[in-house]
Protein backbone atom coordinates (compact mmCIF):
# COMPACT_ATOMS: atom_id res chain seq x y z
CA MET A 1 77.35 128.35 66.98
CA THR A 2 75.59 131.42 66.61
CA LYS A 3 74.50 132.78 70.05
CA GLN A 4 71.23 134.84 70.01
CA LYS A 5 69.32 137.02 72.38
CA LYS A 6 67.92 135.59 75.56
CA GLU A 7 64.18 135.04 75.14
CA PRO A 8 61.64 136.68 77.35
CA GLN A 9 60.06 134.85 80.52
CA PRO A 10 57.60 132.08 79.71
CA ASP A 11 54.60 134.00 80.93
CA SER A 12 55.35 137.28 78.83
CA LYS A 13 54.46 136.50 75.39
CA PRO A 14 55.16 139.38 72.86
CA ASP A 15 52.10 141.04 71.29
CA ASN A 16 53.25 140.17 67.83
CA LEU A 17 54.24 136.55 68.19
CA VAL A 18 51.44 134.92 66.47
CA PHE A 19 52.54 131.11 66.26
CA GLU A 20 54.94 129.10 68.09
CA GLU A 21 55.67 125.38 68.08
CA ARG A 22 58.34 123.35 69.82
CA LEU A 23 59.71 119.94 68.33
CA GLY A 24 62.11 118.71 70.57
CA ALA A 25 65.09 121.32 70.64
CA ILE A 26 63.55 122.76 67.40
CA ARG A 27 61.48 125.97 67.71
CA VAL A 28 59.48 127.64 65.19
CA THR A 29 57.74 131.17 65.76
CA ILE A 30 56.00 133.57 63.47
CA TRP A 31 55.80 137.23 64.25
CA GLU A 32 53.38 139.58 62.64
CA ASN A 33 54.66 143.01 61.59
CA HIS A 34 53.30 146.04 59.77
CA ASP A 35 54.92 148.18 57.31
CA LYS A 36 54.72 151.98 57.17
CA ASN A 37 51.48 151.79 55.10
CA GLY A 38 49.90 149.40 57.97
CA ASN A 39 50.30 146.32 55.67
CA VAL A 40 50.79 143.12 57.59
CA PHE A 41 53.63 140.87 56.88
CA HIS A 42 55.18 137.91 58.81
CA ASN A 43 58.54 136.74 59.71
CA VAL A 44 59.28 132.98 60.54
CA ASN A 45 62.19 132.07 62.80
CA VAL A 46 63.53 128.78 63.20
CA VAL A 47 66.06 128.12 65.90
CA ARG A 48 67.65 124.82 67.78
CA ARG A 49 67.43 125.45 71.58
CA TYR A 50 70.57 124.28 73.61
CA GLN A 51 71.65 124.42 77.17
CA VAL A 52 75.05 125.23 78.64
CA GLY A 53 74.96 124.83 82.45
CA SER A 54 71.88 126.71 83.49
CA GLU A 55 71.66 129.00 80.61
CA TRP A 56 69.64 128.59 77.53
CA SER A 57 70.57 129.74 74.13
CA ASN A 58 69.31 129.45 70.53
CA SER A 59 71.40 128.61 67.54
CA ASP A 60 70.75 128.74 63.75
CA LYS A 61 72.83 125.58 63.19
CA PHE A 62 71.15 122.37 62.99
CA THR A 63 73.00 118.96 63.55
CA GLY A 64 72.47 115.77 61.92
CA LEU A 65 69.39 113.83 60.41
CA SER A 66 67.22 114.30 63.70
CA ASP A 67 67.40 118.05 63.67
CA VAL A 68 66.87 118.43 59.98
CA ALA A 69 63.90 116.16 60.13
CA LEU A 70 62.31 118.38 62.93
CA LEU A 71 63.34 121.47 60.99
CA ARG A 72 61.47 120.23 57.79
CA GLU A 73 58.39 119.47 60.11
CA ALA A 74 58.66 123.07 61.82
CA VAL A 75 58.86 124.73 58.63
CA GLU A 76 55.72 122.69 57.06
CA LEU A 77 53.91 123.71 60.45
CA ALA A 78 54.76 127.50 59.63
CA GLN A 79 53.47 127.05 56.05
CA THR A 80 50.24 125.46 57.11
CA TRP A 81 49.68 128.57 59.58
CA LEU A 82 50.71 131.08 57.12
CA ARG A 83 48.41 129.43 54.48
CA SER A 84 45.44 129.34 56.94
CA TYR A 85 46.34 133.10 57.64
CA SER A 86 46.18 134.13 53.94
CA LEU A 87 42.86 132.38 53.47
CA GLY A 88 41.46 134.25 56.31
CA GLY A 89 41.54 131.68 58.99
CA LYS A 90 43.82 133.61 61.49
């Protein structure tokens, strides 16, 4: 499993986080960034949350049909948000 950086406290949302949805253990986020010319672009991140003891971590590995079904739904939600954004509906 790929262990990733711990996330910020729940009440401290980074300014460039523009979309977040949780589906069971699957979480999809969209981050807004700007290139050196000021153009906006978005990065989509999908992770599976898991807990070992009292520590929460993220994994980029998905296990079984249920994770894959939620992964698909999460990507569709991100696609819907990005499509809405591109049509001017931020």
